[in-house]
């Protein structure tokens, strides 16, 4: 098995509506056999002669051996490109590139793992859960969303997890509240050793902060940030840059696609996303009047 990404013509097997999202299953054996949890695929949208040149990047919900190897992605219909994807039908062909990016790092020994997720990007934790369970780890889910229709996989989490907590802002499913409200309690109840998270940037920031308060390592997938900013998925266009500080204390700009999408949560400068911090390595200096600027 090679780690080299593959560009292939994938056949659409099914597209189904799941709450407010669409789940698309694609026959793509070469990508399925190379995939590791946390990686993503980049899909060309609009058809052969389209003017839409930017690929859409999605985390992988699950990989199965059916039809030689299938890959399922979950996405929201939020713009013309994803709208076009939602309209695909069985046997349609899609230009698919993957698997891309760095995967989750897996524990060497069986430990208690807490998987926090929200939105369509949260679907990626289920591929991770399968691998952790096979390694003998305990898997505890915390799923969050504004409403019941925006929580993906609650029934699956209850079926396969050692525990599953669901929280919605309007109380339409599970407890009423947010991830920040319930996560500290779940960390204590489960005796978690490590926290993994996928979903909106705000959720990742909260999870990272809470994990840090308990002294737990956190790994987060910045897939949602990549979806909003990325264009190529392979690290060439440099549009998905975000600031991360290293062990040496120096902040560097990294690519969400090629250096991520999985990053250490405590290394991401969440408050500076979308900017180049003035203290980042290589950041442009702003000349003051005393440094030679003119009034």
C-alpha atoms as a PDB file:
ATOM      1  CA  UNK A   1       0.000   0.000   0.000  1.00  0.00           C
ATOM      2  CA  UNK A   2       1.387   3.397  -1.005  1.00  0.00           C
ATOM      3  CA  UNK A   3       0.864   6.775   0.702  1.00  0.00           C
ATOM      4  CA  UNK A   4       0.855   8.477  -2.704  1.00  0.00           C
ATOM      5  CA  UNK A   5      -2.501  10.135  -3.519  1.00  0.00           C
ATOM      6  CA  UNK A   6      -4.447   8.895  -6.528  1.00  0.00           C
ATOM      7  CA  UNK A   7      -6.484  10.845  -9.059  1.00  0.00           C
ATOM      8  CA  UNK A   8      -9.285   8.656 -10.342  1.00  0.00           C
ATOM      9  CA  UNK A   9     -12.684   8.673 -11.995  1.00  0.00           C
ATOM     10  CA  UNK A  10     -14.946   7.516  -9.174  1.00  0.00           C
ATOM     11  CA  UNK A  11     -18.402   6.097  -9.770  1.00  0.00           C
ATOM     12  CA  UNK A  12     -21.256   7.431  -7.670  1.00  0.00           C
ATOM     13  CA  UNK A  13     -22.962   4.528  -5.903  1.00  0.00           C
ATOM     14  CA  UNK A  14     -25.546   6.446  -3.858  1.00  0.00           C
ATOM     15  CA  UNK A  15     -26.408   9.962  -2.723  1.00  0.00           C
ATOM     16  CA  UNK A  16     -28.788  10.099   0.217  1.00  0.00           C
ATOM     17  CA  UNK A  17     -30.208  12.814   2.436  1.00  0.00           C
ATOM     18  CA  UNK A  18     -29.252  12.494   6.110  1.00  0.00           C
ATOM     19  CA  UNK A  19     -30.922  15.196   8.211  1.00  0.00           C
ATOM     20  CA  UNK A  20     -29.637  18.498   6.790  1.00  0.00           C
ATOM     21  CA  UNK A  21     -26.731  16.830   4.977  1.00  0.00           C
ATOM     22  CA  UNK A  22     -25.950  14.656   1.969  1.00  0.00           C
ATOM     23  CA  UNK A  23     -24.007  11.385   2.216  1.00  0.00           C
ATOM     24  CA  UNK A  24     -22.330  10.357  -1.052  1.00  0.00           C
ATOM     25  CA  UNK A  25     -20.795   6.910  -1.526  1.00  0.00           C
ATOM     26  CA  UNK A  26     -18.199   6.604  -4.297  1.00  0.00           C
ATOM     27  CA  UNK A  27     -16.582   3.497  -5.765  1.00  0.00           C
ATOM     28  CA  UNK A  28     -12.866   4.300  -5.592  1.00  0.00           C
ATOM     29  CA  UNK A  29     -10.794   1.210  -4.711  1.00  0.00           C
ATOM     30  CA  UNK A  30      -7.370   2.820  -5.130  1.00  0.00           C
ATOM     31  CA  UNK A  31      -8.255   5.598  -2.689  1.00  0.00           C
ATOM     32  CA  UNK A  32     -10.057   3.314  -0.242  1.00  0.00           C
ATOM     33  CA  UNK A  33      -7.061   1.009   0.146  1.00  0.00           C
ATOM     34  CA  UNK A  34      -4.705   3.914   0.896  1.00  0.00           C
ATOM     35  CA  UNK A  35      -6.971   5.813   3.295  1.00  0.00           C
ATOM     36  CA  UNK A  36      -6.127   6.427   6.953  1.00  0.00           C
ATOM     37  CA  UNK A  37      -8.554   8.117   9.384  1.00  0.00           C
ATOM     38  CA  UNK A  38      -8.321  11.884   9.298  1.00  0.00           C
ATOM     39  CA  UNK A  39      -7.356  12.140   5.637  1.00  0.00           C
ATOM     40  CA  UNK A  40      -9.637  13.786   3.083  1.00  0.00           C
ATOM     41  CA  UNK A  41     -10.539  13.731  -0.617  1.00  0.00           C
ATOM     42  CA  UNK A  42     -10.803  16.601  -3.099  1.00  0.00           C
ATOM     43  CA  UNK A  43     -13.658  16.449  -5.603  1.00  0.00           C
ATOM     44  CA  UNK A  44     -13.930  18.337  -8.900  1.00  0.00           C
ATOM     45  CA  UNK A  45     -17.369  19.913  -9.297  1.00  0.00           C
ATOM     46  CA  UNK A  46     -19.457  21.190 -12.194  1.00  0.00           C
ATOM     47  CA  UNK A  47     -18.699  18.618 -14.869  1.00  0.00           C
ATOM     48  CA  UNK A  48     -16.132  18.346 -17.635  1.00  0.00           C
ATOM     49  CA  UNK A  49     -16.624  21.791 -19.189  1.00  0.00           C
ATOM     50  CA  UNK A  50     -17.398  23.808 -16.087  1.00  0.00           C
ATOM     51  CA  UNK A  51     -15.841  27.132 -15.149  1.00  0.00           C
ATOM     52  CA  UNK A  52     -15.719  25.960 -11.513  1.00  0.00           C
ATOM     53  CA  UNK A  53     -12.049  25.094 -11.147  1.00  0.00           C
ATOM     54  CA  UNK A  54     -11.800  24.862  -7.365  1.00  0.00           C
ATOM     55  CA  UNK A  55     -12.092  21.387  -5.882  1.00  0.00           C
ATOM     56  CA  UNK A  56     -14.217  20.741  -2.794  1.00  0.00           C
ATOM     57  CA  UNK A  57     -12.421  19.068   0.118  1.00  0.00           C
ATOM     58  CA  UNK A  58     -14.275  16.594   2.343  1.00  0.00           C
ATOM     59  CA  UNK A  59     -13.259  14.352   5.196  1.00  0.00           C
ATOM     60  CA  UNK A  60     -14.093  10.674   4.815  1.00  0.00           C
ATOM     61  CA  UNK A  61     -16.954   9.261   6.869  1.00  0.00           C
ATOM     62  CA  UNK A  62     -16.222   5.619   6.198  1.00  0.00           C
ATOM     63  CA  UNK A  63     -14.418   3.251   3.860  1.00  0.00           C
ATOM     64  CA  UNK A  64     -15.823  -0.171   3.019  1.00  0.00           C
ATOM     65  CA  UNK A  65     -14.708  -3.134   0.915  1.00  0.00           C
ATOM     66  CA  UNK A  66     -17.917  -3.227  -1.171  1.00  0.00           C
ATOM     67  CA  UNK A  67     -17.406  -3.084  -4.965  1.00  0.00           C
ATOM     68  CA  UNK A  68     -13.651  -3.334  -4.474  1.00  0.00           C
ATOM     69  CA  UNK A  69     -13.552  -0.320  -2.161  1.00  0.00           C
ATOM     70  CA  UNK A  70     -15.932   2.563  -1.480  1.00  0.00           C
ATOM     71  CA  UNK A  71     -15.452   5.967   0.121  1.00  0.00           C
ATOM     72  CA  UNK A  72     -18.314   7.913   1.719  1.00  0.00           C
ATOM     73  CA  UNK A  73     -18.281  11.671   2.304  1.00  0.00           C
ATOM     74  CA  UNK A  74     -20.840  13.839   4.095  1.00  0.00           C
ATOM     75  CA  UNK A  75     -21.452  17.471   3.147  1.00  0.00           C
ATOM     76  CA  UNK A  76     -23.926  20.316   3.400  1.00  0.00           C
ATOM     77  CA  UNK A  77     -25.479  21.932   0.329  1.00  0.00           C
ATOM     78  CA  UNK A  78     -24.308  25.483   1.004  1.00  0.00           C
ATOM     79  CA  UNK A  79     -23.129  26.846  -2.360  1.00  0.00           C
ATOM     80  CA  UNK A  80     -23.318  26.090  -6.112  1.00  0.00           C
ATOM     81  CA  UNK A  81     -20.499  23.524  -6.062  1.00  0.00           C
ATOM     82  CA  UNK A  82     -21.946  21.399  -3.262  1.00  0.00           C
ATOM     83  CA  UNK A  83     -25.388  21.924  -4.784  1.00  0.00           C
ATOM     84  CA  UNK A  84     -24.116  20.355  -7.995  1.00  0.00           C
ATOM     85  CA  UNK A  85     -22.696  17.415  -6.033  1.00  0.00           C
ATOM     86  CA  UNK A  86     -26.004  16.913  -4.214  1.00  0.00           C
ATOM     87  CA  UNK A  87     -27.672  16.493  -7.605  1.00  0.00           C
ATOM     88  CA  UNK A  88     -25.457  13.610  -8.747  1.00  0.00           C
ATOM     89  CA  UNK A  89     -27.065  10.230  -9.288  1.00  0.00           C
ATOM     90  CA  UNK A  90     -26.015   6.587  -9.259  1.00  0.00           C
ATOM     91  CA  UNK A  91     -23.437   5.717 -11.973  1.00  0.00           C
ATOM     92  CA  UNK A  92     -22.364   9.335 -12.490  1.00  0.00           C
ATOM     93  CA  UNK A  93     -18.588   9.808 -12.660  1.00  0.00           C
ATOM     94  CA  UNK A  94     -16.622  12.220 -10.483  1.00  0.00           C
ATOM     95  CA  UNK A  95     -12.985  13.281 -10.676  1.00  0.00           C
ATOM     96  CA  UNK A  96     -11.654  12.359  -7.233  1.00  0.00           C
ATOM     97  CA  UNK A  97      -8.216  12.987  -5.701  1.00  0.00           C
ATOM     98  CA  UNK A  98      -7.063  11.356  -2.499  1.00  0.00           C
ATOM     99  CA  UNK A  99      -6.410  10.360   0.119  1.00  0.00           C
ATOM    100  CA  UNK A 100      -4.832  13.670   1.060  1.00  0.00           C
ATOM    101  CA  UNK A 101      -3.350  15.225   4.171  1.00  0.00           C
ATOM    102  CA  UNK A 102      -1.986  13.940   7.446  1.00  0.00           C
ATOM    103  CA  UNK A 103      -4.086  11.410   9.387  1.00  0.00           C
ATOM    104  CA  UNK A 104      -4.793  11.138  13.098  1.00  0.00           C
ATOM    105  CA  UNK A 105      -1.984   9.717  15.198  1.00  0.00           C
ATOM    106  CA  UNK A 106      -3.185   6.550  16.900  1.00  0.00           C
ATOM    107  CA  UNK A 107      -2.384   5.487  20.472  1.00  0.00           C
ATOM    108  CA  UNK A 108       0.103   2.659  20.842  1.00  0.00           C
ATOM    109  CA  UNK A 109      -1.820   1.033  23.688  1.00  0.00           C
ATOM    110  CA  UNK A 110      -5.554   0.611  24.381  1.00  0.00           C
ATOM    111  CA  UNK A 111      -6.672   3.852  26.056  1.00  0.00           C
ATOM    112  CA  UNK A 112      -9.883   5.779  26.675  1.00  0.00           C
ATOM    113  CA  UNK A 113     -10.553   8.022  23.659  1.00  0.00           C
ATOM    114  CA  UNK A 114     -13.026  10.897  23.578  1.00  0.00           C
ATOM    115  CA  UNK A 115     -14.306  11.804  20.107  1.00  0.00           C
ATOM    116  CA  UNK A 116     -15.952  15.243  19.853  1.00  0.00           C
ATOM    117  CA  UNK A 117     -17.784  16.174  16.664  1.00  0.00           C
ATOM    118  CA  UNK A 118     -20.192  18.647  15.128  1.00  0.00           C
ATOM    119  CA  UNK A 119     -21.625  19.482  11.716  1.00  0.00           C
ATOM    120  CA  UNK A 120     -21.041  17.465   8.542  1.00  0.00           C
ATOM    121  CA  UNK A 121     -17.284  17.484   9.125  1.00  0.00           C
ATOM    122  CA  UNK A 122     -17.922  15.572  12.331  1.00  0.00           C
ATOM    123  CA  UNK A 123     -18.687  12.512  10.213  1.00  0.00           C
ATOM    124  CA  UNK A 124     -14.930  11.945   9.979  1.00  0.00           C
ATOM    125  CA  UNK A 125     -14.726  10.718  13.595  1.00  0.00           C
ATOM    126  CA  UNK A 126     -16.526   7.491  12.683  1.00  0.00           C
ATOM    127  CA  UNK A 127     -13.702   6.202  10.469  1.00  0.00           C
ATOM    128  CA  UNK A 128     -11.385   6.973  13.381  1.00  0.00           C
ATOM    129  CA  UNK A 129     -13.685   5.208  15.835  1.00  0.00           C
ATOM    130  CA  UNK A 130     -13.608   2.005  13.768  1.00  0.00           C
ATOM    131  CA  UNK A 131      -9.805   1.932  13.885  1.00  0.00           C
ATOM    132  CA  UNK A 132      -9.625   2.725  17.608  1.00  0.00           C
ATOM    133  CA  UNK A 133     -12.141   0.012  18.464  1.00  0.00           C
ATOM    134  CA  UNK A 134     -10.131  -2.537  16.481  1.00  0.00           C
ATOM    135  CA  UNK A 135      -7.111  -1.560  18.594  1.00  0.00           C
ATOM    136  CA  UNK A 136      -9.010  -2.309  21.783  1.00  0.00           C
ATOM    137  CA  UNK A 137      -9.532   1.328  22.806  1.00  0.00           C
ATOM    138  CA  UNK A 138     -12.605   2.626  24.580  1.00  0.00           C
ATOM    139  CA  UNK A 139     -14.472   5.114  22.380  1.00  0.00           C
ATOM    140  CA  UNK A 140     -16.711   7.795  23.856  1.00  0.00           C
ATOM    141  CA  UNK A 141     -18.614  10.203  21.608  1.00  0.00           C
ATOM    142  CA  UNK A 142     -19.792  13.759  22.230  1.00  0.00           C
ATOM    143  CA  UNK A 143     -21.859  15.068  19.304  1.00  0.00           C
ATOM    144  CA  UNK A 144     -23.060  18.670  19.155  1.00  0.00           C
ATOM    145  CA  UNK A 145     -25.112  20.897  16.876  1.00  0.00           C
ATOM    146  CA  UNK A 146     -27.584  23.794  16.835  1.00  0.00           C
ATOM    147  CA  UNK A 147     -30.536  21.454  16.191  1.00  0.00           C
ATOM    148  CA  UNK A 148     -31.276  17.725  15.921  1.00  0.00           C
ATOM    149  CA  UNK A 149     -31.119  17.908  12.117  1.00  0.00           C
ATOM    150  CA  UNK A 150     -27.566  19.231  12.309  1.00  0.00           C
ATOM    151  CA  UNK A 151     -26.213  16.398  14.433  1.00  0.00           C
ATOM    152  CA  UNK A 152     -24.779  13.629  12.277  1.00  0.00           C
ATOM    153  CA  UNK A 153     -24.481  10.016  13.400  1.00  0.00           C
ATOM    154  CA  UNK A 154     -26.111  10.036  16.833  1.00  0.00           C
ATOM    155  CA  UNK A 155     -27.634   6.570  16.405  1.00  0.00           C
ATOM    156  CA  UNK A 156     -24.400   5.122  15.064  1.00  0.00           C
ATOM    157  CA  UNK A 157     -22.473   6.627  17.995  1.00  0.00           C
ATOM    158  CA  UNK A 158     -24.881   5.037  20.463  1.00  0.00           C
ATOM    159  CA  UNK A 159     -24.544   1.696  18.692  1.00  0.00           C
ATOM    160  CA  UNK A 160     -20.754   1.438  18.424  1.00  0.00           C
ATOM    161  CA  UNK A 161     -19.461   3.656  21.228  1.00  0.00           C
ATOM    162  CA  UNK A 162     -18.826   2.795  24.850  1.00  0.00           C
ATOM    163  CA  UNK A 163     -20.858   5.931  25.543  1.00  0.00           C
ATOM    164  CA  UNK A 164     -22.478   8.669  23.467  1.00  0.00           C
ATOM    165  CA  UNK A 165     -23.518  12.134  24.622  1.00  0.00           C
ATOM    166  CA  UNK A 166     -25.562  14.379  22.330  1.00  0.00           C
ATOM    167  CA  UNK A 167     -26.113  18.084  22.941  1.00  0.00           C
ATOM    168  CA  UNK A 168     -28.096  20.622  20.882  1.00  0.00           C
ATOM    169  CA  UNK A 169     -28.465  24.343  21.392  1.00  0.00           C
ATOM    170  CA  UNK A 170     -32.260  24.207  21.147  1.00  0.00           C
ATOM    171  CA  UNK A 171     -32.631  20.969  23.124  1.00  0.00           C
ATOM    172  CA  UNK A 172     -34.301  19.139  20.221  1.00  0.00           C
ATOM    173  CA  UNK A 173     -31.976  16.138  20.674  1.00  0.00           C
ATOM    174  CA  UNK A 174     -30.129  15.019  23.770  1.00  0.00           C
ATOM    175  CA  UNK A 175     -29.191  17.663  26.309  1.00  0.00           C
ATOM    176  CA  UNK A 176     -29.731  21.368  25.797  1.00  0.00           C
ATOM    177  CA  UNK A 177     -26.510  23.348  25.552  1.00  0.00           C
ATOM    178  CA  UNK A 178     -23.190  23.371  23.720  1.00  0.00           C
ATOM    179  CA  UNK A 179     -20.054  21.273  23.514  1.00  0.00           C
ATOM    180  CA  UNK A 180     -18.437  23.572  26.070  1.00  0.00           C
ATOM    181  CA  UNK A 181     -21.265  22.859  28.527  1.00  0.00           C
ATOM    182  CA  UNK A 182     -20.999  19.056  28.514  1.00  0.00           C
ATOM    183  CA  UNK A 183     -17.416  18.179  27.599  1.00  0.00           C
ATOM    184  CA  UNK A 184     -15.791  18.765  31.033  1.00  0.00           C
ATOM    185  CA  UNK A 185     -18.299  16.412  32.658  1.00  0.00           C
ATOM    186  CA  UNK A 186     -17.823  13.730  29.994  1.00  0.00           C
ATOM    187  CA  UNK A 187     -14.027  13.944  30.304  1.00  0.00           C
ATOM    188  CA  UNK A 188     -14.350  13.176  34.013  1.00  0.00           C
ATOM    189  CA  UNK A 189     -16.982  10.460  33.625  1.00  0.00           C
ATOM    190  CA  UNK A 190     -15.072   8.570  30.931  1.00  0.00           C
ATOM    191  CA  UNK A 191     -11.567   8.966  32.325  1.00  0.00           C
ATOM    192  CA  UNK A 192     -10.433  10.047  28.874  1.00  0.00           C
ATOM    193  CA  UNK A 193      -6.736   9.805  28.023  1.00  0.00           C
ATOM    194  CA  UNK A 194      -6.868  11.626  24.670  1.00  0.00           C
ATOM    195  CA  UNK A 195      -9.341  13.857  22.846  1.00  0.00           C
ATOM    196  CA  UNK A 196      -9.984  13.856  19.097  1.00  0.00           C
ATOM    197  CA  UNK A 197     -12.220  16.425  17.397  1.00  0.00           C
ATOM    198  CA  UNK A 198     -13.731  17.175  13.988  1.00  0.00           C
ATOM    199  CA  UNK A 199     -16.124  19.965  13.108  1.00  0.00           C
ATOM    200  CA  UNK A 200     -16.543  23.743  13.057  1.00  0.00           C
ATOM    201  CA  UNK A 201     -13.616  25.901  14.082  1.00  0.00           C
ATOM    202  CA  UNK A 202     -15.428  27.261  17.151  1.00  0.00           C
ATOM    203  CA  UNK A 203     -16.055  23.730  18.400  1.00  0.00           C
ATOM    204  CA  UNK A 204     -12.399  22.772  17.882  1.00  0.00           C
ATOM    205  CA  UNK A 205     -11.282  25.806  19.831  1.00  0.00           C
ATOM    206  CA  UNK A 206     -13.542  24.903  22.767  1.00  0.00           C
ATOM    207  CA  UNK A 207     -12.466  21.261  22.745  1.00  0.00           C
ATOM    208  CA  UNK A 208      -8.787  22.212  22.690  1.00  0.00           C
ATOM    209  CA  UNK A 209      -9.200  24.603  25.596  1.00  0.00           C
ATOM    210  CA  UNK A 210     -11.077  22.086  27.740  1.00  0.00           C
ATOM    211  CA  UNK A 211      -8.626  19.278  26.931  1.00  0.00           C
ATOM    212  CA  UNK A 212      -5.796  21.577  27.991  1.00  0.00           C
ATOM    213  CA  UNK A 213      -7.521  22.349  31.290  1.00  0.00           C
ATOM    214  CA  UNK A 214      -7.550  18.621  32.043  1.00  0.00           C
ATOM    215  CA  UNK A 215      -3.980  18.131  30.824  1.00  0.00           C
ATOM    216  CA  UNK A 216      -5.086  15.927  27.930  1.00  0.00           C
ATOM    217  CA  UNK A 217      -3.538  15.828  24.455  1.00  0.00           C
ATOM    218  CA  UNK A 218      -5.914  16.863  21.661  1.00  0.00           C
ATOM    219  CA  UNK A 219      -5.846  16.159  17.955  1.00  0.00           C
ATOM    220  CA  UNK A 220      -8.182  18.189  15.769  1.00  0.00           C
ATOM    221  CA  UNK A 221      -9.134  18.084  12.104  1.00  0.00           C
ATOM    222  CA  UNK A 222      -9.357  21.600  10.639  1.00  0.00           C
ATOM    223  CA  UNK A 223     -11.371  20.270   7.705  1.00  0.00           C
ATOM    224  CA  UNK A 224     -14.060  22.954   8.051  1.00  0.00           C
ATOM    225  CA  UNK A 225     -11.402  25.687   7.806  1.00  0.00           C
ATOM    226  CA  UNK A 226      -9.938  23.866   4.785  1.00  0.00           C
ATOM    227  CA  UNK A 227     -13.352  23.720   3.103  1.00  0.00           C
ATOM    228  CA  UNK A 228     -13.766  27.494   3.471  1.00  0.00           C
ATOM    229  CA  UNK A 229     -10.278  28.489   2.370  1.00  0.00           C
ATOM    230  CA  UNK A 230      -8.719  25.691   0.295  1.00  0.00           C
ATOM    231  CA  UNK A 231      -8.694  25.504  -3.482  1.00  0.00           C
ATOM    232  CA  UNK A 232      -6.364  22.684  -4.558  1.00  0.00           C
ATOM    233  CA  UNK A 233      -6.105  20.239  -1.651  1.00  0.00           C
ATOM    234  CA  UNK A 234      -2.438  19.445  -2.372  1.00  0.00           C
ATOM    235  CA  UNK A 235      -0.566  22.382  -0.846  1.00  0.00           C
ATOM    236  CA  UNK A 236       0.123  24.379  -4.009  1.00  0.00           C
ATOM    237  CA  UNK A 237      -2.307  27.307  -3.882  1.00  0.00           C
ATOM    238  CA  UNK A 238      -1.371  28.415  -0.318  1.00  0.00           C
ATOM    239  CA  UNK A 239      -4.886  29.721   0.401  1.00  0.00           C
ATOM    240  CA  UNK A 240      -5.520  27.546   3.478  1.00  0.00           C
ATOM    241  CA  UNK A 241      -2.667  28.861   5.644  1.00  0.00           C
ATOM    242  CA  UNK A 242      -3.104  29.059   9.394  1.00  0.00           C
ATOM    243  CA  UNK A 243      -0.748  29.957  12.282  1.00  0.00           C
ATOM    244  CA  UNK A 244       0.693  27.179  14.432  1.00  0.00           C
ATOM    245  CA  UNK A 245       3.369  27.534  17.105  1.00  0.00           C
ATOM    246  CA  UNK A 246       6.031  24.862  17.330  1.00  0.00           C
ATOM    247  CA  UNK A 247       7.921  23.251  20.193  1.00  0.00           C
ATOM    248  CA  UNK A 248      10.526  26.004  19.843  1.00  0.00           C
ATOM    249  CA  UNK A 249       7.870  28.646  20.526  1.00  0.00           C
ATOM    250  CA  UNK A 250       8.094  30.040  16.995  1.00  0.00           C
ATOM    251  CA  UNK A 251       4.854  30.606  15.069  1.00  0.00           C
ATOM    252  CA  UNK A 252       4.842  29.352  11.507  1.00  0.00           C
ATOM    253  CA  UNK A 253       2.177  29.480   8.824  1.00  0.00           C
ATOM    254  CA  UNK A 254       1.194  25.950   7.777  1.00  0.00           C
ATOM    255  CA  UNK A 255      -1.135  24.565   5.120  1.00  0.00           C
ATOM    256  CA  UNK A 256      -4.365  23.029   6.393  1.00  0.00           C
ATOM    257  CA  UNK A 257      -4.310  20.542   3.515  1.00  0.00           C
ATOM    258  CA  UNK A 258      -0.717  19.322   3.331  1.00  0.00           C
ATOM    259  CA  UNK A 259       0.467  19.945   6.914  1.00  0.00           C
ATOM    260  CA  UNK A 260      -2.998  19.056   8.289  1.00  0.00           C
ATOM    261  CA  UNK A 261      -5.881  18.633   8.302  1.00  0.00           C
ATOM    262  CA  UNK A 262      -5.065  16.902  11.598  1.00  0.00           C
ATOM    263  CA  UNK A 263      -3.082  19.132  13.939  1.00  0.00           C
ATOM    264  CA  UNK A 264      -2.313  19.265  17.623  1.00  0.00           C
ATOM    265  CA  UNK A 265      -5.068  21.399  19.060  1.00  0.00           C
ATOM    266  CA  UNK A 266      -2.817  23.161  21.535  1.00  0.00           C
ATOM    267  CA  UNK A 267      -0.492  24.310  18.756  1.00  0.00           C
ATOM    268  CA  UNK A 268      -3.109  26.142  16.682  1.00  0.00           C
ATOM    269  CA  UNK A 269      -3.443  29.881  17.334  1.00  0.00           C
ATOM    270  CA  UNK A 270      -7.223  29.822  17.185  1.00  0.00           C
ATOM    271  CA  UNK A 271      -7.671  33.542  17.774  1.00  0.00           C
ATOM    272  CA  UNK A 272      -5.462  34.390  14.797  1.00  0.00           C
ATOM    273  CA  UNK A 273      -7.045  32.179  12.124  1.00  0.00           C
ATOM    274  CA  UNK A 274      -7.443  34.073   8.869  1.00  0.00           C
ATOM    275  CA  UNK A 275      -4.497  36.349   9.664  1.00  0.00           C
ATOM    276  CA  UNK A 276      -0.703  36.316   9.544  1.00  0.00           C
ATOM    277  CA  UNK A 277       0.346  37.183  13.113  1.00  0.00           C
ATOM    278  CA  UNK A 278       3.014  39.886  13.288  1.00  0.00           C
ATOM    279  CA  UNK A 279       5.329  37.515  15.190  1.00  0.00           C
ATOM    280  CA  UNK A 280       5.015  34.626  12.710  1.00  0.00           C
ATOM    281  CA  UNK A 281       8.204  33.477  11.019  1.00  0.00           C
ATOM    282  CA  UNK A 282       8.529  35.366   7.724  1.00  0.00           C
ATOM    283  CA  UNK A 283       5.633  37.728   8.442  1.00  0.00           C
ATOM    284  CA  UNK A 284       5.910  41.053   6.580  1.00  0.00           C
ATOM    285  CA  UNK A 285       7.123  43.924   8.708  1.00  0.00           C
ATOM    286  CA  UNK A 286       5.162  47.160   8.804  1.00  0.00           C
ATOM    287  CA  UNK A 287       7.555  50.090   8.513  1.00  0.00           C
ATOM    288  CA  UNK A 288       7.018  52.921  10.935  1.00  0.00           C
ATOM    289  CA  UNK A 289       7.920  56.555  10.329  1.00  0.00           C
ATOM    290  CA  UNK A 290      11.077  56.170  12.393  1.00  0.00           C
ATOM    291  CA  UNK A 291      12.168  53.232  10.261  1.00  0.00           C
ATOM    292  CA  UNK A 292      12.330  55.236   7.086  1.00  0.00           C
ATOM    293  CA  UNK A 293       8.684  55.631   6.188  1.00  0.00           C
ATOM    294  CA  UNK A 294       7.423  59.010   5.034  1.00  0.00           C
ATOM    295  CA  UNK A 295       4.728  61.065   6.708  1.00  0.00           C
END
